[in-house]
């Protein structure tokens, strides 16, 4: 199997020793496995073979251009959630017709860019947005392709911050309101109704919320067809979860496909999926160096590393778990410690009460399953430059995003 493993107590990524990458690229550094990305994309694609489908990679999961370009080479389309992500898609080689444009609060400039490019679909969120799209398309003397985002009022069962399918969230419209909006879209000369879109949340570990969202838009498509409004596709978004903790139960990709296809197949419409985390999450690790060791009286032992919440926000933001391992394992009594970063926040804790082998300043640790929502959520808080990023492909590796410098950070200051 492709990916990250240990041999003789040392950590490797697809046969490349991770300590060698850290020595040459510095730390903190994100390291991605091209082989894992290929393997997982192909597994997901094959699971839906029996039905017409398109996989549009969710750029929000990892927006590094080389990662997006690799997915494009594999045959993916792109799902963009901002004007900036549209530009990433174009730079990565996606044609405008391979891009769907999603997101709450699209600006007029973003809509104008998407419409002028002729993207595959704009997943519209509201009547007001549809009105702006129609106005812009008419001014440009073109037709905009519209899918309406439906809020199915589904409890995703994941963290509240990443559950998007409940009626209390800002996303989409009720099925009844979405149906009315689709009828409005069908009556406007500058708009073409092409699909329905739903995305119930992220890091979902049961099939039912995903299948329920799919059933809602499949039922709505049948009602619209009875009214003479034919569409091309049903877009079920993404959301399939991965196992972050050892032994964590998640959905098998074949079971996921079966649950979705049972809901979608009777419609005979093309299925659009927007996978992100499931493909790239396990394909990345964050390498970080130990810079200090300290103990508080009657309290925890702290392993202080050079990566922090500015590099990997998920533990501070969601209380998320990431497995943390030593890149080289020593013999001796294990150490129980909190692994913390250098940022001036108590929440800058990457892992609490973790077990490591005997650890010293200068040791290298790896934080697993960070290929999604890792580097893409980074910040420059405390004026910390962003980490470098590396892609292993075969037995070679290269820097795909250079380490930011202080000069880079300060270049915009007046």
Protein backbone atom coordinates (compact mmCIF):
# COMPACT_ATOMS: atom_id res chain seq x y z
CA UNK A 1 0.00 0.00 0.00
CA UNK A 2 1.10 3.54 -0.73
CA UNK A 3 1.65 6.06 2.04
CA UNK A 4 3.52 6.57 5.30
CA UNK A 5 5.00 3.68 7.23
CA UNK A 6 7.87 2.61 9.48
CA UNK A 7 10.82 0.35 8.75
CA UNK A 8 13.48 -0.46 11.34
CA UNK A 9 12.04 2.23 13.59
CA UNK A 10 12.30 5.03 10.98
CA UNK A 11 9.47 6.83 9.18
CA UNK A 12 9.14 6.70 5.39
CA UNK A 13 6.78 8.10 2.80
CA UNK A 14 6.55 5.83 -0.24
CA UNK A 15 10.11 4.64 0.39
CA UNK A 16 11.60 8.11 1.00
CA UNK A 17 12.92 8.62 4.53
CA UNK A 18 11.07 11.55 6.08
CA UNK A 19 14.10 12.67 8.08
CA UNK A 20 15.91 13.33 4.79
CA UNK A 21 13.08 15.59 3.62
CA UNK A 22 13.07 17.49 6.92
CA UNK A 23 16.85 17.93 6.79
CA UNK A 24 16.74 19.46 3.32
CA UNK A 25 13.38 21.28 3.32
CA UNK A 26 13.35 22.34 6.99
CA UNK A 27 10.46 22.15 9.43
CA UNK A 28 7.60 22.54 9.77
CA UNK A 29 6.91 21.00 6.37
CA UNK A 30 3.86 19.33 4.85
CA UNK A 31 4.62 16.14 2.93
CA UNK A 32 2.10 14.61 0.51
CA UNK A 33 2.07 11.22 -1.20
CA UNK A 34 1.06 11.35 -4.87
CA UNK A 35 0.58 7.57 -4.76
CA UNK A 36 -2.03 7.82 -1.98
CA UNK A 37 -3.92 10.54 -3.85
CA UNK A 38 -3.99 8.44 -7.02
CA UNK A 39 -5.01 5.29 -5.16
CA UNK A 40 -7.89 6.93 -3.28
CA UNK A 41 -9.20 8.86 -6.29
CA UNK A 42 -9.32 5.67 -8.33
CA UNK A 43 -11.03 3.71 -5.53
CA UNK A 44 -13.79 6.32 -5.29
CA UNK A 45 -14.17 6.61 -9.06
CA UNK A 46 -14.47 2.81 -9.46
CA UNK A 47 -17.09 2.60 -6.72
CA UNK A 48 -19.49 4.63 -8.90
CA UNK A 49 -18.63 2.95 -12.21
CA UNK A 50 -22.13 1.64 -12.92
CA UNK A 51 -23.70 5.11 -13.09
CA UNK A 52 -22.72 8.22 -15.10
CA UNK A 53 -20.80 10.44 -12.70
CA UNK A 54 -18.20 13.18 -12.38
CA UNK A 55 -15.83 13.73 -9.46
CA UNK A 56 -15.19 17.44 -8.87
CA UNK A 57 -12.29 17.76 -6.42
CA UNK A 58 -13.14 20.16 -3.57
CA UNK A 59 -10.25 22.60 -3.75
CA UNK A 60 -11.07 23.94 -0.27
CA UNK A 61 -9.61 20.71 1.19
CA UNK A 62 -6.14 21.43 -0.17
CA UNK A 63 -5.65 24.35 -2.55
CA UNK A 64 -1.96 23.86 -3.30
CA UNK A 65 -1.71 24.12 -7.09
CA UNK A 66 0.33 20.96 -7.61
CA UNK A 67 -2.17 18.88 -5.61
CA UNK A 68 -5.07 20.25 -7.65
CA UNK A 69 -3.12 19.61 -10.88
CA UNK A 70 -2.54 15.98 -9.88
CA UNK A 71 -6.29 15.50 -9.40
CA UNK A 72 -6.91 17.11 -12.78
CA UNK A 73 -4.47 14.70 -14.40
CA UNK A 74 -6.45 11.82 -12.86
CA UNK A 75 -9.61 13.03 -14.59
CA UNK A 76 -11.26 15.10 -11.85
CA UNK A 77 -13.21 18.28 -12.30
CA UNK A 78 -12.98 21.04 -9.70
CA UNK A 79 -15.30 22.41 -7.03
CA UNK A 80 -14.42 26.02 -6.16
CA UNK A 81 -15.79 27.87 -3.12
CA UNK A 82 -14.43 31.31 -3.92
CA UNK A 83 -13.10 33.41 -6.74
CA UNK A 84 -9.61 32.59 -5.52
CA UNK A 85 -10.29 28.86 -5.81
CA UNK A 86 -11.53 29.38 -9.38
CA UNK A 87 -8.14 30.91 -10.16
CA UNK A 88 -6.36 27.97 -8.50
CA UNK A 89 -8.38 25.62 -10.70
CA UNK A 90 -7.43 27.53 -13.85
CA UNK A 91 -3.76 27.64 -12.86
CA UNK A 92 -3.87 23.89 -12.17
CA UNK A 93 -5.08 23.30 -15.74
CA UNK A 94 -8.82 22.79 -15.29
CA UNK A 95 -10.98 24.11 -18.13
CA UNK A 96 -13.80 26.46 -17.03
CA UNK A 97 -16.30 23.80 -18.11
CA UNK A 98 -14.77 21.46 -15.53
CA UNK A 99 -15.47 23.83 -12.61
CA UNK A 100 -18.55 24.10 -10.40
CA UNK A 101 -18.76 27.26 -8.28
CA UNK A 102 -20.18 26.82 -4.79
CA UNK A 103 -20.40 29.01 -1.70
CA UNK A 104 -22.43 31.41 0.38
CA UNK A 105 -21.82 35.11 -0.24
CA UNK A 106 -20.37 35.08 -3.75
CA UNK A 107 -19.37 38.63 -4.64
CA UNK A 108 -20.43 40.40 -7.83
CA UNK A 109 -16.83 40.28 -9.06
CA UNK A 110 -16.66 36.52 -8.40
CA UNK A 111 -19.97 35.94 -10.20
CA UNK A 112 -18.91 38.06 -13.15
CA UNK A 113 -15.69 36.08 -13.46
CA UNK A 114 -17.48 32.72 -13.25
CA UNK A 115 -20.16 33.71 -15.75
CA UNK A 116 -17.69 35.19 -18.23
CA UNK A 117 -15.56 32.03 -18.03
CA UNK A 118 -18.59 29.78 -18.59
CA UNK A 119 -18.19 27.46 -15.61
CA UNK A 120 -20.06 24.15 -15.59
CA UNK A 121 -22.53 25.32 -12.93
CA UNK A 122 -22.99 28.00 -10.31
CA UNK A 123 -24.55 26.45 -7.22
CA UNK A 124 -26.90 29.29 -6.29
CA UNK A 125 -27.85 29.92 -2.66
CA UNK A 126 -30.78 32.34 -2.78
CA UNK A 127 -33.27 34.25 -4.96
CA UNK A 128 -31.14 37.37 -4.53
CA UNK A 129 -28.08 35.59 -5.86
CA UNK A 130 -30.05 34.22 -8.81
CA UNK A 131 -31.23 37.75 -9.60
CA UNK A 132 -27.65 39.05 -9.62
CA UNK A 133 -26.49 36.16 -11.80
CA UNK A 134 -29.31 36.83 -14.30
CA UNK A 135 -28.46 40.53 -14.42
CA UNK A 136 -24.74 39.89 -14.98
CA UNK A 137 -25.37 37.20 -17.60
CA UNK A 138 -27.77 39.47 -19.50
CA UNK A 139 -25.22 42.30 -19.45
CA UNK A 140 -22.57 39.92 -20.79
CA UNK A 141 -25.03 38.62 -23.42
CA UNK A 142 -24.52 35.06 -22.32
CA UNK A 143 -26.31 32.31 -20.43
CA UNK A 144 -25.32 31.20 -16.94
CA UNK A 145 -25.73 27.56 -15.94
CA UNK A 146 -27.49 27.32 -12.57
CA UNK A 147 -27.88 24.60 -9.95
CA UNK A 148 -29.81 25.49 -6.79
CA UNK A 149 -28.40 24.43 -3.43
CA UNK A 150 -30.96 22.60 -1.29
CA UNK A 151 -30.86 22.49 2.51
CA UNK A 152 -32.43 19.10 3.32
CA UNK A 153 -32.65 19.65 7.11
CA UNK A 154 -30.40 16.66 7.84
CA UNK A 155 -28.37 16.08 11.01
CA UNK A 156 -24.94 15.11 9.72
CA UNK A 157 -23.66 13.84 13.07
CA UNK A 158 -20.27 15.54 12.67
CA UNK A 159 -18.87 18.56 14.52
CA UNK A 160 -21.40 21.45 14.55
CA UNK A 161 -18.88 23.74 12.83
CA UNK A 162 -18.81 21.49 9.74
CA UNK A 163 -22.44 20.35 9.63
CA UNK A 164 -24.11 22.29 6.82
CA UNK A 165 -27.34 20.45 6.03
CA UNK A 166 -29.53 21.49 8.96
CA UNK A 167 -32.17 24.18 8.44
CA UNK A 168 -30.54 26.37 11.12
CA UNK A 169 -27.37 26.83 9.04
CA UNK A 170 -26.66 29.51 6.45
CA UNK A 171 -26.45 27.06 3.56
CA UNK A 172 -28.97 26.48 0.77
CA UNK A 173 -32.76 26.64 0.71
CA UNK A 174 -35.61 24.40 1.83
CA UNK A 175 -36.81 21.94 -0.84
CA UNK A 176 -40.03 23.94 -1.33
CA UNK A 177 -38.17 27.22 -1.74
CA UNK A 178 -35.58 25.58 -4.00
CA UNK A 179 -38.35 24.24 -6.25
CA UNK A 180 -39.87 27.72 -6.54
CA UNK A 181 -36.47 29.18 -7.34
CA UNK A 182 -35.81 26.56 -10.03
CA UNK A 183 -39.11 27.49 -11.67
CA UNK A 184 -37.97 31.11 -11.63
CA UNK A 185 -34.61 30.15 -13.15
CA UNK A 186 -36.36 28.23 -15.94
CA UNK A 187 -38.32 31.35 -16.87
CA UNK A 188 -35.31 33.65 -17.27
CA UNK A 189 -33.70 33.88 -20.69
CA UNK A 190 -30.20 34.50 -19.36
CA UNK A 191 -30.24 31.42 -17.10
CA UNK A 192 -30.19 27.68 -17.76
CA UNK A 193 -31.31 25.33 -14.97
CA UNK A 194 -28.87 22.41 -14.99
CA UNK A 195 -28.88 20.81 -11.55
CA UNK A 196 -29.64 20.53 -7.88
CA UNK A 197 -26.96 20.62 -5.23
CA UNK A 198 -26.78 19.39 -1.63
CA UNK A 199 -23.94 19.12 0.87
CA UNK A 200 -24.94 18.05 4.37
CA UNK A 201 -21.57 18.42 6.07
CA UNK A 202 -18.00 17.22 6.40
CA UNK A 203 -16.27 14.30 8.15
CA UNK A 204 -19.46 12.21 8.08
CA UNK A 205 -19.02 8.65 9.33
CA UNK A 206 -22.47 7.17 8.58
CA UNK A 207 -24.16 6.63 5.21
CA UNK A 208 -27.65 7.72 6.26
CA UNK A 209 -27.16 11.53 6.33
CA UNK A 210 -25.48 11.41 2.94
CA UNK A 211 -28.16 9.15 1.45
CA UNK A 212 -30.92 11.26 2.95
CA UNK A 213 -29.58 14.39 1.28
CA UNK A 214 -29.35 12.52 -2.01
CA UNK A 215 -32.96 11.34 -1.71
CA UNK A 216 -34.20 14.88 -1.10
CA UNK A 217 -32.74 16.25 -4.32
CA UNK A 218 -33.70 13.13 -6.32
CA UNK A 219 -37.32 13.59 -5.21
CA UNK A 220 -37.16 17.28 -6.05
CA UNK A 221 -35.78 16.52 -9.51
CA UNK A 222 -38.75 14.22 -10.20
CA UNK A 223 -41.19 16.95 -9.13
CA UNK A 224 -39.49 19.48 -11.38
CA UNK A 225 -39.52 17.06 -14.32
CA UNK A 226 -43.29 16.68 -13.86
CA UNK A 227 -43.50 20.47 -14.24
CA UNK A 228 -41.51 20.30 -17.48
CA UNK A 229 -38.19 21.46 -15.98
CA UNK A 230 -35.50 19.02 -17.04
CA UNK A 231 -32.05 19.20 -15.46
CA UNK A 232 -28.76 17.47 -16.21
CA UNK A 233 -27.25 16.47 -12.90
CA UNK A 234 -27.66 15.90 -9.18
CA UNK A 235 -24.72 17.19 -7.12
CA UNK A 236 -24.50 15.49 -3.71
CA UNK A 237 -21.43 17.42 -2.53
CA UNK A 238 -18.79 15.66 -0.46
CA UNK A 239 -18.49 14.93 3.25
CA UNK A 240 -17.26 11.34 3.44
CA UNK A 241 -15.17 10.99 6.60
CA UNK A 242 -11.78 9.41 7.24
CA UNK A 243 -10.35 7.62 10.30
CA UNK A 244 -8.23 10.05 12.30
CA UNK A 245 -8.00 7.99 15.50
CA UNK A 246 -6.74 4.40 15.56
CA UNK A 247 -9.74 2.07 15.39
CA UNK A 248 -12.19 4.84 14.45
CA UNK A 249 -15.09 3.42 12.41
CA UNK A 250 -15.85 5.14 9.12
CA UNK A 251 -17.91 4.36 6.02
CA UNK A 252 -16.50 1.93 3.49
CA UNK A 253 -16.35 3.57 0.08
CA UNK A 254 -18.33 0.75 -1.55
CA UNK A 255 -21.10 1.08 1.05
CA UNK A 256 -21.11 4.84 0.48
CA UNK A 257 -21.51 4.38 -3.27
CA UNK A 258 -24.29 1.83 -2.84
CA UNK A 259 -26.26 4.10 -0.50
CA UNK A 260 -25.97 7.09 -2.84
CA UNK A 261 -26.73 5.13 -6.00
CA UNK A 262 -29.88 3.62 -4.51
CA UNK A 263 -31.18 7.16 -4.09
CA UNK A 264 -29.92 8.61 -7.38
CA UNK A 265 -30.12 5.85 -10.00
CA UNK A 266 -33.89 5.95 -10.60
CA UNK A 267 -33.55 9.56 -11.78
CA UNK A 268 -31.13 8.55 -14.58
CA UNK A 269 -29.42 11.93 -14.07
CA UNK A 270 -25.65 12.33 -14.02
CA UNK A 271 -24.25 12.21 -10.50
CA UNK A 272 -21.78 14.91 -9.43
CA UNK A 273 -19.66 14.39 -6.32
CA UNK A 274 -17.35 16.88 -4.62
CA UNK A 275 -14.79 14.76 -2.71
CA UNK A 276 -11.97 16.47 -0.86
CA UNK A 277 -10.94 15.17 2.56
CA UNK A 278 -11.49 11.49 1.70
CA UNK A 279 -8.99 11.68 -1.17
CA UNK A 280 -6.27 13.98 0.17
CA UNK A 281 -6.60 13.78 3.97
CA UNK A 282 -4.63 10.54 4.50
CA UNK A 283 -2.14 11.60 1.80
CA UNK A 284 -0.39 14.16 4.00
CA UNK A 285 1.76 14.41 7.12
CA UNK A 286 3.17 17.46 8.88
CA UNK A 287 6.81 17.12 9.98
CA UNK A 288 7.79 19.20 13.00
CA UNK A 289 10.92 19.44 15.15
CA UNK A 290 11.05 19.36 18.94
CA UNK A 291 12.42 22.71 20.17
CA UNK A 292 11.96 22.35 23.93
CA UNK A 293 10.94 19.95 26.69
CA UNK A 294 9.42 21.18 29.93
CA UNK A 295 7.42 19.96 32.90
CA UNK A 296 5.12 21.93 35.17
CA UNK A 297 4.90 21.01 38.82
CA UNK A 298 2.04 18.57 39.46
CA UNK A 299 0.99 19.01 35.85
CA UNK A 300 1.74 17.85 32.34
CA UNK A 301 4.99 17.31 30.55
CA UNK A 302 5.15 19.44 27.42
CA UNK A 303 6.90 18.60 24.19
CA UNK A 304 7.22 21.95 22.41
CA UNK A 305 7.50 21.77 18.62
CA UNK A 306 8.04 24.31 15.84
CA UNK A 307 4.60 23.70 14.27
CA UNK A 308 1.52 25.17 15.85
CA UNK A 309 -2.06 26.24 15.32
CA UNK A 310 -0.83 28.61 12.60
CA UNK A 311 0.22 25.53 10.61
CA UNK A 312 -2.52 23.09 11.69
CA UNK A 313 -5.65 24.76 13.07
CA UNK A 314 -7.99 21.76 13.40
CA UNK A 315 -7.03 20.70 16.95
CA UNK A 316 -7.53 24.24 18.29
CA UNK A 317 -10.66 24.96 16.23
CA UNK A 318 -12.53 21.66 16.49
CA UNK A 319 -10.73 19.75 19.23
CA UNK A 320 -9.72 17.45 16.38
CA UNK A 321 -7.50 14.42 16.90
CA UNK A 322 -4.44 13.75 14.72
CA UNK A 323 -2.11 10.84 15.38
CA UNK A 324 1.36 12.09 16.38
CA UNK A 325 4.39 9.82 16.04
CA UNK A 326 8.14 10.02 16.41
CA UNK A 327 9.94 9.79 13.07
CA UNK A 328 12.65 7.70 14.74
CA UNK A 329 11.81 5.37 17.61
CA UNK A 330 14.18 4.91 20.52
CA UNK A 331 14.15 2.16 23.12
CA UNK A 332 13.27 3.15 26.64
CA UNK A 333 10.40 4.12 28.91
CA UNK A 334 7.56 5.80 27.01
CA UNK A 335 6.80 9.47 27.60
CA UNK A 336 3.28 10.81 28.31
CA UNK A 337 3.09 14.42 27.24
CA UNK A 338 1.10 17.21 25.64
CA UNK A 339 2.51 18.16 22.24
CA UNK A 340 2.25 21.94 21.99
CA UNK A 341 3.25 24.66 19.56
CA UNK A 342 5.00 28.00 19.99
CA UNK A 343 1.97 30.26 19.45
CA UNK A 344 0.86 32.61 22.24
CA UNK A 345 -2.42 30.75 22.93
CA UNK A 346 -3.13 27.92 25.38
CA UNK A 347 -5.27 26.38 22.62
CA UNK A 348 -2.08 25.91 20.59
CA UNK A 349 -2.02 22.25 21.57
CA UNK A 350 -1.63 19.67 18.82
CA UNK A 351 -2.22 16.63 21.02
CA UNK A 352 -3.03 16.11 24.71
CA UNK A 353 -1.81 13.22 26.85
CA UNK A 354 -0.06 11.39 24.02
CA UNK A 355 2.51 8.60 24.24
CA UNK A 356 5.90 9.02 22.58
CA UNK A 357 9.16 7.08 22.85
CA UNK A 358 11.95 8.79 24.79
CA UNK A 359 12.12 12.26 23.21
CA UNK A 360 14.84 14.92 23.01
CA UNK A 361 15.19 18.43 21.61
CA UNK A 362 15.94 18.13 17.90
CA UNK A 363 13.80 15.03 17.38
CA UNK A 364 11.41 14.91 14.44
CA UNK A 365 7.69 14.18 14.90
CA UNK A 366 5.07 13.53 12.24
CA UNK A 367 1.42 14.50 12.51
CA UNK A 368 -0.76 12.27 10.35
CA UNK A 369 -3.81 12.74 8.10
CA UNK A 370 -3.25 16.44 7.46
CA UNK A 371 -3.56 16.44 3.66
CA UNK A 372 -6.98 18.09 3.99
CA UNK A 373 -7.72 21.25 5.99
CA UNK A 374 -4.09 21.52 7.04
CA UNK A 375 -1.97 24.00 5.09
CA UNK A 376 -5.07 25.51 3.50
CA UNK A 377 -6.31 26.80 6.90
CA UNK A 378 -2.92 28.18 7.97
CA UNK A 379 -2.45 31.75 9.22
CA UNK A 380 0.38 34.17 9.93
CA UNK A 381 -0.61 34.85 13.53
CA UNK A 382 2.42 35.88 15.61
CA UNK A 383 3.94 36.80 12.23
CA UNK A 384 4.79 33.16 11.61
CA UNK A 385 5.67 32.34 7.99
CA UNK A 386 3.70 29.50 6.42
CA UNK A 387 5.31 26.06 6.12
CA UNK A 388 6.83 24.58 3.00
CA UNK A 389 5.00 21.79 1.16
CA UNK A 390 6.52 18.76 -0.54
CA UNK A 391 5.12 16.11 -2.89
CA UNK A 392 6.60 12.60 -3.02
CA UNK A 393 6.05 10.95 -6.39
CA UNK A 394 7.62 7.54 -6.86
CA UNK A 395 11.05 7.54 -5.24
CA UNK A 396 11.58 11.29 -5.69
CA UNK A 397 10.23 14.38 -4.00
CA UNK A 398 10.06 18.08 -4.75
CA UNK A 399 9.01 21.29 -3.05
CA UNK A 400 5.60 22.33 -4.44
CA UNK A 401 5.17 25.40 -2.24
CA UNK A 402 8.25 27.13 -0.88
CA UNK A 403 8.49 28.23 2.72
CA UNK A 404 7.24 31.76 3.24
CA UNK A 405 9.83 34.29 4.40
CA UNK A 406 9.45 37.29 6.71
CA UNK A 407 10.06 39.46 3.63
CA UNK A 408 7.07 37.77 1.97
CA UNK A 409 4.95 38.52 5.04
CA UNK A 410 5.90 42.18 5.29
CA UNK A 411 5.84 43.12 1.60
CA UNK A 412 2.31 44.55 1.78
CA UNK A 413 2.84 46.68 4.89
CA UNK A 414 3.01 50.45 4.35
